[in-house]
C-alpha atoms as a PDB file:
ATOM      1  CA  MET A   1     -59.440 -87.952   5.694  1.00  0.00           C
ATOM      2  CA  ARG A   2     -56.717 -88.903   3.097  1.00  0.00           C
ATOM      3  CA  ILE A   3     -55.919 -91.884   1.170  1.00  0.00           C
ATOM      4  CA  ARG A   4     -52.396 -93.211   0.229  1.00  0.00           C
ATOM      5  CA  PRO A   5     -50.798 -96.480  -0.944  1.00  0.00           C
ATOM      6  CA  SER A   6     -50.151 -98.796   2.026  1.00  0.00           C
ATOM      7  CA  THR A   7     -46.743 -99.923   3.217  1.00  0.00           C
ATOM      8  CA  PRO A   8     -45.670-103.049   5.348  1.00  0.00           C
ATOM      9  CA  GLY A   9     -45.955-100.598   8.327  1.00  0.00           C
ATOM     10  CA  ASP A  10     -49.539-100.554   7.798  1.00  0.00           C
ATOM     11  CA  TYR A  11     -49.960-104.259   8.133  1.00  0.00           C
ATOM     12  CA  PRO A  12     -50.734-104.290  11.870  1.00  0.00           C
ATOM     13  CA  SER A  13     -53.584-101.901  11.283  1.00  0.00           C
ATOM     14  CA  VAL A  14     -54.923-103.573   8.133  1.00  0.00           C
ATOM     15  CA  VAL A  15     -54.901-107.047   9.961  1.00  0.00           C
ATOM     16  CA  ALA A  16     -56.596-105.364  13.066  1.00  0.00           C
ATOM     17  CA  ILE A  17     -59.353-104.137  10.841  1.00  0.00           C
ATOM     18  CA  HIS A  18     -59.755-107.562   9.029  1.00  0.00           C
ATOM     19  CA  ASN A  19     -59.863-109.369  12.253  1.00  0.00           C
ATOM     20  CA  THR A  20     -62.433-106.982  13.668  1.00  0.00           C
ATOM     21  CA  LEU A  21     -64.828-107.415  10.781  1.00  0.00           C
ATOM     22  CA  TYR A  22     -64.094-111.211  10.208  1.00  0.00           C
ATOM     23  CA  PRO A  23     -63.335-112.845  13.452  1.00  0.00           C
ATOM     24  CA  PRO A  24     -64.049-116.310  12.219  1.00  0.00           C
ATOM     25  CA  ARG A  25     -61.478-115.699   9.304  1.00  0.00           C
ATOM     26  CA  PRO A  26     -58.357-114.218  11.125  1.00  0.00           C
ATOM     27  CA  THR A  27     -55.268-113.239   9.571  1.00  0.00           C
ATOM     28  CA  THR A  28     -51.861-112.215  10.795  1.00  0.00           C
ATOM     29  CA  VAL A  29     -49.111-109.728   9.850  1.00  0.00           C
ATOM     30  CA  GLN A  30     -46.773-112.654   9.077  1.00  0.00           C
ATOM     31  CA  ALA A  31     -49.411-114.033   6.673  1.00  0.00           C
ATOM     32  CA  GLN A  32     -49.323-110.723   4.992  1.00  0.00           C
ATOM     33  CA  LEU A  33     -45.792-110.610   4.558  1.00  0.00           C
ATOM     34  CA  GLU A  34     -45.419-114.209   3.328  1.00  0.00           C
ATOM     35  CA  ALA A  35     -48.212-113.483   0.841  1.00  0.00           C
ATOM     36  CA  ASP A  36     -45.981-110.507  -0.544  1.00  0.00           C
ATOM     37  CA  GLN A  37     -42.984-112.751  -0.677  1.00  0.00           C
ATOM     38  CA  HIS A  38     -44.644-115.381  -2.599  1.00  0.00           C
ATOM     39  CA  ARG A  39     -46.823-113.310  -5.083  1.00  0.00           C
ATOM     40  CA  LYS A  40     -45.707-113.791  -8.689  1.00  0.00           C
ATOM     41  CA  PRO A  41     -44.873-110.442 -10.378  1.00  0.00           C
ATOM     42  CA  GLU A  42     -47.578-111.168 -13.021  1.00  0.00           C
ATOM     43  CA  HIS A  43     -50.405-111.217 -10.393  1.00  0.00           C
ATOM     44  CA  ARG A  44     -51.088-107.499  -9.868  1.00  0.00           C
ATOM     45  CA  HIS A  45     -51.613-106.305  -6.446  1.00  0.00           C
ATOM     46  CA  GLN A  46     -52.206-102.921  -4.626  1.00  0.00           C
ATOM     47  CA  VAL A  47     -53.663-101.833  -1.309  1.00  0.00           C
ATOM     48  CA  TRP A  48     -54.565 -98.301  -0.145  1.00  0.00           C
ATOM     49  CA  VAL A  49     -55.316 -97.142   3.361  1.00  0.00           C
ATOM     50  CA  ALA A  50     -57.622 -94.260   4.525  1.00  0.00           C
ATOM     51  CA  LEU A  51     -56.174 -92.091   7.243  1.00  0.00           C
ATOM     52  CA  LEU A  52     -58.140 -89.846   9.629  1.00  0.00           C
ATOM     53  CA  ASP A  53     -55.864 -87.036  10.900  1.00  0.00           C
ATOM     54  CA  GLU A  54     -57.033 -85.835  14.281  1.00  0.00           C
ATOM     55  CA  ALA A  55     -55.480 -83.045  16.203  1.00  0.00           C
ATOM     56  CA  GLY A  56     -52.899 -84.112  18.802  1.00  0.00           C
ATOM     57  CA  ARG A  57     -53.073 -87.720  17.825  1.00  0.00           C
ATOM     58  CA  GLN A  58     -51.395 -90.213  15.356  1.00  0.00           C
ATOM     59  CA  PRO A  59     -53.325 -90.576  12.156  1.00  0.00           C
ATOM     60  CA  THR A  60     -55.960 -93.309  12.412  1.00  0.00           C
ATOM     61  CA  VAL A  61     -56.046 -96.247   9.752  1.00  0.00           C
ATOM     62  CA  ALA A  62     -59.818 -96.171   9.444  1.00  0.00           C
ATOM     63  CA  GLY A  63     -60.035 -98.533   6.512  1.00  0.00           C
ATOM     64  CA  TYR A  64     -58.151-100.049   3.576  1.00  0.00           C
ATOM     65  CA  GLY A  65     -59.071-101.265   0.116  1.00  0.00           C
ATOM     66  CA  GLY A  66     -57.242-102.888  -2.622  1.00  0.00           C
ATOM     67  CA  TYR A  67     -57.167-105.256  -5.665  1.00  0.00           C
ATOM     68  CA  ASP A  68     -55.490-108.692  -6.173  1.00  0.00           C
ATOM     69  CA  GLN A  69     -55.080-111.541  -8.680  1.00  0.00           C
ATOM     70  CA  TYR A  70     -54.738-115.253  -8.029  1.00  0.00           C
ATOM     71  CA  PRO A  71     -53.471-118.233  -9.894  1.00  0.00           C
ATOM     72  CA  GLY A  72     -55.959-118.971 -12.764  1.00  0.00           C
ATOM     73  CA  TYR A  73     -57.269-115.613 -12.921  1.00  0.00           C
ATOM     74  CA  HIS A  74     -57.552-113.946 -16.253  1.00  0.00           C
ATOM     75  CA  ALA A  75     -55.188-110.928 -16.843  1.00  0.00           C
ATOM     76  CA  GLN A  76     -58.163-108.660 -16.821  1.00  0.00           C
ATOM     77  CA  LYS A  77     -60.071-110.252 -13.957  1.00  0.00           C
ATOM     78  CA  PHE A  78     -59.447-108.942 -10.620  1.00  0.00           C
ATOM     79  CA  HIS A  79     -60.477-109.379  -6.752  1.00  0.00           C
ATOM     80  CA  VAL A  80     -61.397-106.119  -5.021  1.00  0.00           C
ATOM     81  CA  TYR A  81     -62.077-105.426  -1.422  1.00  0.00           C
ATOM     82  CA  VAL A  82     -62.902-102.485   0.779  1.00  0.00           C
ATOM     83  CA  ASN A  83     -62.840-102.743   4.514  1.00  0.00           C
ATOM     84  CA  VAL A  84     -63.751 -99.976   7.139  1.00  0.00           C
ATOM     85  CA  LEU A  85     -63.711-100.113  10.882  1.00  0.00           C
ATOM     86  CA  PRO A  86     -67.312-100.133  12.268  1.00  0.00           C
ATOM     87  CA  ASP A  87     -66.994 -96.711  14.124  1.00  0.00           C
ATOM     88  CA  TYR A  88     -66.150 -95.046  10.848  1.00  0.00           C
ATOM     89  CA  GLN A  89     -68.525 -96.652   8.523  1.00  0.00           C
ATOM     90  CA  ARG A  90     -71.374 -94.561   6.793  1.00  0.00           C
ATOM     91  CA  GLN A  91     -69.055 -91.672   6.535  1.00  0.00           C
ATOM     92  CA  GLY A  92     -67.977 -92.008   2.910  1.00  0.00           C
ATOM     93  CA  ILE A  93     -64.562 -93.536   3.630  1.00  0.00           C
ATOM     94  CA  GLY A  94     -65.618 -96.943   2.074  1.00  0.00           C
ATOM     95  CA  ALA A  95     -67.056 -95.138  -1.101  1.00  0.00           C
ATOM     96  CA  ALA A  96     -63.752 -93.115  -1.344  1.00  0.00           C
ATOM     97  CA  LEU A  97     -61.540 -96.210  -1.084  1.00  0.00           C
ATOM     98  CA  TYR A  98     -63.744 -98.023  -3.593  1.00  0.00           C
ATOM     99  CA  ASP A  99     -63.287 -95.084  -6.143  1.00  0.00           C
ATOM    100  CA  GLN A 100     -59.473 -95.113  -5.513  1.00  0.00           C
ATOM    101  CA  VAL A 101     -59.347 -98.955  -6.289  1.00  0.00           C
ATOM    102  CA  MET A 102     -61.310 -98.687  -9.460  1.00  0.00           C
ATOM    103  CA  ALA A 103     -59.203 -95.693 -10.671  1.00  0.00           C
ATOM    104  CA  GLY A 104     -56.189 -97.782  -9.892  1.00  0.00           C
ATOM    105  CA  LEU A 105     -57.288-100.705 -12.013  1.00  0.00           C
ATOM    106  CA  GLN A 106     -58.176 -98.444 -15.084  1.00  0.00           C
ATOM    107  CA  PRO A 107     -54.778 -98.808 -16.686  1.00  0.00           C
ATOM    108  CA  PHE A 108     -55.245-102.648 -16.826  1.00  0.00           C
ATOM    109  CA  ALA A 109     -58.654-102.489 -18.673  1.00  0.00           C
ATOM    110  CA  PRO A 110     -60.492-104.821 -16.333  1.00  0.00           C
ATOM    111  CA  THR A 111     -63.389-106.682 -17.612  1.00  0.00           C
ATOM    112  CA  THR A 112     -64.407-108.361 -14.559  1.00  0.00           C
ATOM    113  CA  TRP A 113     -64.313-107.334 -10.813  1.00  0.00           C
ATOM    114  CA  ARG A 114     -65.073-109.949  -7.974  1.00  0.00           C
ATOM    115  CA  ALA A 115     -65.673-109.312  -4.292  1.00  0.00           C
ATOM    116  CA  ASP A 116     -66.350-111.290  -1.206  1.00  0.00           C
ATOM    117  CA  CYS A 117     -69.314-110.600   0.997  1.00  0.00           C
ATOM    118  CA  PHE A 118     -70.706-112.475   4.092  1.00  0.00           C
ATOM    119  CA  GLY A 119     -74.276-113.200   5.148  1.00  0.00           C
ATOM    120  CA  ASN A 120     -73.574-111.797   8.680  1.00  0.00           C
ATOM    121  CA  LEU A 121     -72.447-108.355   7.178  1.00  0.00           C
ATOM    122  CA  PRO A 122     -75.489-107.221   5.335  1.00  0.00           C
ATOM    123  CA  GLN A 123     -74.117-103.639   4.925  1.00  0.00           C
ATOM    124  CA  GLY A 124     -71.270-105.041   2.868  1.00  0.00           C
ATOM    125  CA  ILE A 125     -73.720-106.775   0.467  1.00  0.00           C
ATOM    126  CA  ARG A 126     -75.555-103.611   0.118  1.00  0.00           C
ATOM    127  CA  PHE A 127     -72.482-101.535  -0.626  1.00  0.00           C
ATOM    128  CA  ALA A 128     -71.531-104.138  -3.299  1.00  0.00           C
ATOM    129  CA  GLU A 129     -74.969-104.209  -4.955  1.00  0.00           C
ATOM    130  CA  GLU A 130     -75.323-100.410  -4.897  1.00  0.00           C
ATOM    131  CA  ARG A 131     -72.135-100.544  -7.079  1.00  0.00           C
ATOM    132  CA  GLY A 132     -73.440-103.039  -9.561  1.00  0.00           C
ATOM    133  CA  PHE A 133     -72.113-106.199  -8.069  1.00  0.00           C
ATOM    134  CA  LYS A 134     -74.400-109.251  -8.188  1.00  0.00           C
ATOM    135  CA  GLU A 135     -74.045-112.675  -6.473  1.00  0.00           C
ATOM    136  CA  VAL A 136     -72.693-115.334  -8.755  1.00  0.00           C
ATOM    137  CA  PHE A 137     -71.586-118.144  -6.071  1.00  0.00           C
ATOM    138  CA  ARG A 138     -72.304-119.092  -2.524  1.00  0.00           C
ATOM    139  CA  GLU A 139     -70.123-121.123  -0.115  1.00  0.00           C
ATOM    140  CA  THR A 140     -70.757-122.416   3.256  1.00  0.00           C
ATOM    141  CA  PRO A 141     -67.609-121.780   5.703  1.00  0.00           C
ATOM    142  CA  LEU A 142     -67.344-124.516   8.380  1.00  0.00           C
ATOM    143  CA  LEU A 143     -65.370-124.904  11.648  1.00  0.00           C
ATOM    144  CA  LEU A 144     -64.648-127.998  13.640  1.00  0.00           C
ATOM    145  CA  ASP A 145     -63.739-128.001  17.246  1.00  0.00           C
ATOM    146  CA  VAL A 146     -60.802-130.612  16.953  1.00  0.00           C
ATOM    147  CA  MET A 147     -60.748-131.297  20.891  1.00  0.00           C
ATOM    148  CA  ALA A 148     -64.365-131.933  21.103  1.00  0.00           C
ATOM    149  CA  PHE A 149     -64.254-134.598  18.039  1.00  0.00           C
ATOM    150  CA  ASP A 150     -64.656-138.351  19.121  1.00  0.00           C
ATOM    151  CA  PRO A 151     -62.667-140.519  16.673  1.00  0.00           C
ATOM    152  CA  ALA A 152     -63.816-143.779  18.194  1.00  0.00           C
ATOM    153  CA  PRO A 153     -66.630-144.431  15.590  1.00  0.00           C
ATOM    154  CA  TYR A 154     -64.044-144.188  12.899  1.00  0.00           C
ATOM    155  CA  ALA A 155     -61.403-146.415  14.317  1.00  0.00           C
ATOM    156  CA  GLY A 156     -61.733-149.070  11.756  1.00  0.00           C
ATOM    157  CA  LEU A 157     -62.185-146.862   8.707  1.00  0.00           C
ATOM    158  CA  GLU A 158     -58.626-147.112   7.392  1.00  0.00           C
ATOM    159  CA  ALA A 159     -58.365-150.714   7.984  1.00  0.00           C
ATOM    160  CA  ARG A 160     -61.406-151.424   5.858  1.00  0.00           C
ATOM    161  CA  LEU A 161     -59.901-149.368   2.988  1.00  0.00           C
ATOM    162  CA  ARG A 162     -56.813-151.463   3.103  1.00  0.00           C
ATOM    163  CA  THR A 163     -58.716-154.526   2.502  1.00  0.00           C
ATOM    164  CA  GLN A 164     -59.718-152.906  -0.718  1.00  0.00           C
ATOM    165  CA  GLY A 165     -56.052-152.135  -1.550  1.00  0.00           C
ATOM    166  CA  ILE A 166     -56.371-148.345  -0.595  1.00  0.00           C
ATOM    167  CA  GLU A 167     -54.055-146.615   1.750  1.00  0.00           C
ATOM    168  CA  ILE A 168     -53.898-143.056   2.964  1.00  0.00           C
ATOM    169  CA  LYS A 169     -50.423-141.613   2.801  1.00  0.00           C
ATOM    170  CA  THR A 170     -48.906-138.059   3.128  1.00  0.00           C
ATOM    171  CA  VAL A 171     -46.833-136.177   0.477  1.00  0.00           C
ATOM    172  CA  ARG A 172     -43.919-136.935   2.520  1.00  0.00           C
ATOM    173  CA  ASP A 173     -44.602-140.680   2.551  1.00  0.00           C
ATOM    174  CA  LEU A 174     -44.736-140.484  -1.265  1.00  0.00           C
ATOM    175  CA  GLU A 175     -41.380-138.558  -1.771  1.00  0.00           C
ATOM    176  CA  ASN A 176     -39.530-141.563  -3.070  1.00  0.00           C
ATOM    177  CA  ASP A 177     -42.118-141.738  -5.990  1.00  0.00           C
ATOM    178  CA  PRO A 178     -40.290-139.992  -8.937  1.00  0.00           C
ATOM    179  CA  ASN A 179     -43.553-139.261 -10.450  1.00  0.00           C
ATOM    180  CA  ARG A 180     -45.291-138.057  -7.322  1.00  0.00           C
ATOM    181  CA  ASN A 181     -45.707-134.315  -8.142  1.00  0.00           C
ATOM    182  CA  ARG A 182     -47.151-135.003 -11.607  1.00  0.00           C
ATOM    183  CA  LYS A 183     -49.486-137.553 -10.307  1.00  0.00           C
ATOM    184  CA  VAL A 184     -50.689-135.224  -7.581  1.00  0.00           C
ATOM    185  CA  TYR A 185     -51.123-132.464 -10.277  1.00  0.00           C
ATOM    186  CA  ASP A 186     -53.152-134.829 -12.462  1.00  0.00           C
ATOM    187  CA  LEU A 187     -55.308-135.745  -9.575  1.00  0.00           C
ATOM    188  CA  TYR A 188     -55.697-132.176  -8.124  1.00  0.00           C
ATOM    189  CA  TRP A 189     -57.137-130.892 -11.491  1.00  0.00           C
ATOM    190  CA  GLU A 190     -59.242-133.939 -12.287  1.00  0.00           C
ATOM    191  CA  THR A 191     -60.895-133.609  -8.957  1.00  0.00           C
ATOM    192  CA  PHE A 192     -61.089-129.908  -8.846  1.00  0.00           C
ATOM    193  CA  ARG A 193     -63.244-129.978 -12.097  1.00  0.00           C
ATOM    194  CA  ASP A 194     -65.958-131.932 -10.175  1.00  0.00           C
ATOM    195  CA  VAL A 195     -66.212-129.427  -7.408  1.00  0.00           C
ATOM    196  CA  PRO A 196     -69.360-127.244  -8.038  1.00  0.00           C
ATOM    197  CA  GLN A 197     -67.985-123.714  -9.162  1.00  0.00           C
ATOM    198  CA  GLU A 198     -69.061-120.633 -10.806  1.00  0.00           C
ATOM    199  CA  GLY A 199     -67.439-119.765 -14.130  1.00  0.00           C
ATOM    200  CA  VAL A 200     -64.416-121.275 -15.696  1.00  0.00           C
ATOM    201  CA  THR A 201     -61.047-121.515 -13.876  1.00  0.00           C
ATOM    202  CA  ILE A 202     -57.857-121.840 -16.102  1.00  0.00           C
ATOM    203  CA  GLN A 203     -55.807-124.961 -15.205  1.00  0.00           C
ATOM    204  CA  ALA A 204     -52.550-123.617 -13.976  1.00  0.00           C
ATOM    205  CA  PRO A 205     -49.330-124.870 -15.641  1.00  0.00           C
ATOM    206  CA  PHE A 206     -47.511-127.534 -13.801  1.00  0.00           C
ATOM    207  CA  ASP A 207     -44.594-125.408 -12.688  1.00  0.00           C
ATOM    208  CA  GLU A 208     -46.963-122.617 -11.653  1.00  0.00           C
ATOM    209  CA  TRP A 209     -49.259-125.049  -9.688  1.00  0.00           C
ATOM    210  CA  LEU A 210     -46.019-126.709  -8.033  1.00  0.00           C
ATOM    211  CA  ASP A 211     -45.053-123.507  -6.609  1.00  0.00           C
ATOM    212  CA  TRP A 212     -48.206-122.465  -4.965  1.00  0.00           C
ATOM    213  CA  ASP A 213     -49.405-125.967  -3.917  1.00  0.00           C
ATOM    214  CA  ILE A 214     -47.003-128.755  -2.997  1.00  0.00           C
ATOM    215  CA  GLU A 215     -43.831-126.357  -2.615  1.00  0.00           C
ATOM    216  CA  ASP A 216     -45.616-123.557  -0.916  1.00  0.00           C
ATOM    217  CA  PRO A 217     -43.755-122.993   2.397  1.00  0.00           C
ATOM    218  CA  GLY A 218     -47.195-122.771   4.178  1.00  0.00           C
ATOM    219  CA  MET A 219     -48.021-126.341   2.868  1.00  0.00           C
ATOM    220  CA  SER A 220     -46.654-129.075   5.130  1.00  0.00           C
ATOM    221  CA  PRO A 221     -45.868-132.524   3.506  1.00  0.00           C
ATOM    222  CA  ASP A 222     -47.368-134.072   6.626  1.00  0.00           C
ATOM    223  CA  GLY A 223     -50.643-132.362   6.104  1.00  0.00           C
ATOM    224  CA  TYR A 224     -51.081-133.077   2.468  1.00  0.00           C
ATOM    225  CA  PHE A 225     -52.973-136.496   2.431  1.00  0.00           C
ATOM    226  CA  ILE A 226     -53.268-138.787  -0.757  1.00  0.00           C
ATOM    227  CA  ALA A 227     -55.166-141.965  -1.005  1.00  0.00           C
ATOM    228  CA  VAL A 228     -53.207-144.485  -3.123  1.00  0.00           C
ATOM    229  CA  CYS A 229     -54.513-147.719  -4.765  1.00  0.00           C
ATOM    230  CA  GLY A 230     -51.381-149.495  -6.118  1.00  0.00           C
ATOM    231  CA  GLN A 231     -49.514-147.045  -8.144  1.00  0.00           C
ATOM    232  CA  ASP A 232     -52.482-144.863  -8.674  1.00  0.00           C
ATOM    233  CA  TYR A 233     -53.382-141.466  -6.691  1.00  0.00           C
ATOM    234  CA  VAL A 234     -57.019-141.667  -6.258  1.00  0.00           C
ATOM    235  CA  ALA A 235     -58.058-138.872  -3.636  1.00  0.00           C
ATOM    236  CA  LEU A 236     -56.459-136.038  -1.903  1.00  0.00           C
ATOM    237  CA  SER A 237     -57.147-133.587   0.794  1.00  0.00           C
ATOM    238  CA  GLU A 238     -54.849-130.805   1.539  1.00  0.00           C
ATOM    239  CA  PHE A 239     -54.247-128.739   4.830  1.00  0.00           C
ATOM    240  CA  ALA A 240     -51.977-126.040   5.919  1.00  0.00           C
ATOM    241  CA  ARG A 241     -51.638-124.373   9.230  1.00  0.00           C
ATOM    242  CA  LYS A 242     -52.534-120.582   9.360  1.00  0.00           C
ATOM    243  CA  PRO A 243     -49.406-118.745  10.529  1.00  0.00           C
ATOM    244  CA  ASP A 244     -49.308-117.747  14.327  1.00  0.00           C
ATOM    245  CA  THR A 245     -52.767-119.375  14.913  1.00  0.00           C
ATOM    246  CA  GLY A 246     -54.200-122.789  16.206  1.00  0.00           C
ATOM    247  CA  ILE A 247     -56.165-123.099  12.886  1.00  0.00           C
ATOM    248  CA  LEU A 248     -55.562-125.800  10.311  1.00  0.00           C
ATOM    249  CA  GLN A 249     -57.025-124.569   7.033  1.00  0.00           C
ATOM    250  CA  ALA A 250     -58.267-127.003   4.563  1.00  0.00           C
ATOM    251  CA  GLY A 251     -57.794-126.725   0.709  1.00  0.00           C
ATOM    252  CA  LEU A 252     -58.979-128.890  -1.955  1.00  0.00           C
ATOM    253  CA  ALA A 253     -60.613-132.330  -1.183  1.00  0.00           C
ATOM    254  CA  GLY A 254     -61.534-134.628  -3.923  1.00  0.00           C
ATOM    255  CA  VAL A 255     -61.986-138.325  -4.970  1.00  0.00           C
ATOM    256  CA  ARG A 256     -61.687-139.751  -8.468  1.00  0.00           C
ATOM    257  CA  ARG A 257     -65.113-140.747  -9.609  1.00  0.00           C
ATOM    258  CA  ALA A 258     -64.316-144.523  -9.930  1.00  0.00           C
ATOM    259  CA  PHE A 259     -63.329-144.602  -6.183  1.00  0.00           C
ATOM    260  CA  ARG A 260     -66.221-142.677  -4.671  1.00  0.00           C
ATOM    261  CA  ASN A 261     -68.708-144.027  -2.174  1.00  0.00           C
ATOM    262  CA  LYS A 262     -66.111-146.140  -0.381  1.00  0.00           C
ATOM    263  CA  GLY A 263     -65.354-143.901   2.596  1.00  0.00           C
ATOM    264  CA  ILE A 264     -62.227-142.566   1.217  1.00  0.00           C
ATOM    265  CA  ALA A 265     -63.246-138.768   1.747  1.00  0.00           C
ATOM    266  CA  LEU A 266     -64.377-139.649   5.364  1.00  0.00           C
ATOM    267  CA  ALA A 267     -61.091-141.344   5.995  1.00  0.00           C
ATOM    268  CA  LEU A 268     -58.984-138.418   4.605  1.00  0.00           C
ATOM    269  CA  GLN A 269     -60.913-136.037   6.904  1.00  0.00           C
ATOM    270  CA  VAL A 270     -60.555-138.138   9.990  1.00  0.00           C
ATOM    271  CA  ARG A 271     -56.793-138.565   9.304  1.00  0.00           C
ATOM    272  CA  ALA A 272     -56.715-134.765   9.042  1.00  0.00           C
ATOM    273  CA  ILE A 273     -58.253-134.268  12.377  1.00  0.00           C
ATOM    274  CA  ALA A 274     -55.889-136.597  14.160  1.00  0.00           C
ATOM    275  CA  TYR A 275     -52.929-134.604  12.330  1.00  0.00           C
ATOM    276  CA  ALA A 276     -54.585-131.256  13.764  1.00  0.00           C
ATOM    277  CA  ARG A 277     -54.295-132.641  17.277  1.00  0.00           C
ATOM    278  CA  GLN A 278     -50.765-133.967  16.774  1.00  0.00           C
ATOM    279  CA  ILE A 279     -49.500-130.438  15.805  1.00  0.00           C
ATOM    280  CA  GLY A 280     -51.583-128.612  18.297  1.00  0.00           C
ATOM    281  CA  CYS A 281     -54.333-127.022  16.372  1.00  0.00           C
ATOM    282  CA  SER A 282     -57.438-126.580  18.028  1.00  0.00           C
ATOM    283  CA  CYS A 283     -59.700-125.740  14.977  1.00  0.00           C
ATOM    284  CA  ILE A 284     -60.095-126.922  11.472  1.00  0.00           C
ATOM    285  CA  GLU A 285     -61.428-124.357   9.018  1.00  0.00           C
ATOM    286  CA  THR A 286     -62.996-125.165   5.558  1.00  0.00           C
ATOM    287  CA  SER A 287     -65.646-124.132   3.295  1.00  0.00           C
ATOM    288  CA  THR A 288     -67.759-125.845   0.566  1.00  0.00           C
ATOM    289  CA  PRO A 289     -70.065-124.754  -2.101  1.00  0.00           C
ATOM    290  CA  ILE A 290     -73.735-124.619  -0.924  1.00  0.00           C
ATOM    291  CA  THR A 291     -74.610-126.930  -3.820  1.00  0.00           C
ATOM    292  CA  ASN A 292     -72.032-129.565  -2.764  1.00  0.00           C
ATOM    293  CA  VAL A 293     -74.632-131.525  -0.850  1.00  0.00           C
ATOM    294  CA  PRO A 294     -72.293-134.871  -0.276  1.00  0.00           C
ATOM    295  CA  MET A 295     -69.502-132.797   1.234  1.00  0.00           C
ATOM    296  CA  ARG A 296     -71.874-130.597   3.399  1.00  0.00           C
ATOM    297  CA  ALA A 297     -73.347-133.838   4.660  1.00  0.00           C
ATOM    298  CA  LEU A 298     -69.997-135.333   5.423  1.00  0.00           C
ATOM    299  CA  TYR A 299     -68.866-132.268   7.273  1.00  0.00           C
ATOM    300  CA  ALA A 300     -72.156-132.282   9.331  1.00  0.00           C
ATOM    301  CA  GLN A 301     -71.403-135.879  10.237  1.00  0.00           C
ATOM    302  CA  LEU A 302     -67.940-135.126  11.545  1.00  0.00           C
ATOM    303  CA  GLY A 303     -69.475-132.186  13.745  1.00  0.00           C
ATOM    304  CA  PHE A 304     -68.508-129.051  11.719  1.00  0.00           C
ATOM    305  CA  ILE A 305     -70.277-125.987  12.423  1.00  0.00           C
ATOM    306  CA  ARG A 306     -71.748-123.911   9.705  1.00  0.00           C
ATOM    307  CA  GLN A 307     -70.634-120.222   9.760  1.00  0.00           C
ATOM    308  CA  PRO A 308     -72.198-117.272   7.878  1.00  0.00           C
ATOM    309  CA  ASP A 309     -72.439-117.820   4.028  1.00  0.00           C
ATOM    310  CA  TRP A 310     -69.600-116.510   2.065  1.00  0.00           C
ATOM    311  CA  LEU A 311     -70.917-114.641  -1.113  1.00  0.00           C
ATOM    312  CA  GLN A 312     -68.860-114.126  -4.237  1.00  0.00           C
ATOM    313  CA  MET A 313     -70.212-111.041  -5.915  1.00  0.00           C
ATOM    314  CA  GLU A 314     -69.098-110.086  -9.524  1.00  0.00           C
ATOM    315  CA  LYS A 315     -69.380-107.011 -11.720  1.00  0.00           C
ATOM    316  CA  THR A 316     -68.574-107.082 -15.357  1.00  0.00           C
ATOM    317  CA  ALA A 317     -67.720-104.218 -17.941  1.00  0.00           C
ATOM    318  CA  GLN A 318     -70.860-105.142 -19.816  1.00  0.00           C
ATOM    319  CA  SER A 319     -73.154-104.933 -16.667  1.00  0.00           C
END
């Protein structure tokens, strides 16, 4: 077994390993390439692959590991990951990849490492715990079968909102509002702060947020829904189609406090389901913190099916 930095030529193998381990959360080679294209230089990123050389055969990519950073991350805080094909687990490959990732991070003097684990993969949880990671947050992934959804009970929902002066529009519908982007930005971060979360996320500067939110090529202006009351933007729910899949992936959903309990969040989700059907997506994928009881209840009402819990594990330099 040998470990080397990955190249784009490894992406088919990396994607195959990911999709084998996490079938409810598939990715594609195209998605990996697009992530590379849109990653900012200040967001550090590196992947290594573990190769098995076998006589008379092409080297097998048995696993991969790496680190990444996301908007809002502190410069010394990193997301790390290690994934190994089931047939090659418990042979020291994951441990070697982990050691490589941690060694690769040393020049940046990291203070915090984050890792994702899943409730249906207990071996991954044990692997992280044995290396000092502890659970700090838990989310519930959810999936909706779009074609099985019955919209009939919600037929009059948007009409009732209009009687209260509230309309649901898309980002495209609002393109003639010269203040649209700034108003969405303010709404995004106001509602984001009310989402149950662990730790503190730094609010991204306007231009940086614009680049990875509204102007992200994967974010369709027809799938970004805004509830408007007069000139005010009062709620949002964002969706993007996963490249080369029939999955519509949800982002942030939030309602300003003064406009809650009016059915706006429900109406936004029903509109999104109609949009998924319109563009041929058979599934909507989302997740919500396990402590976010109102949103979990709303998703259950609409027929979303709970998937294995997503655990966010953390290790600090002090632990």
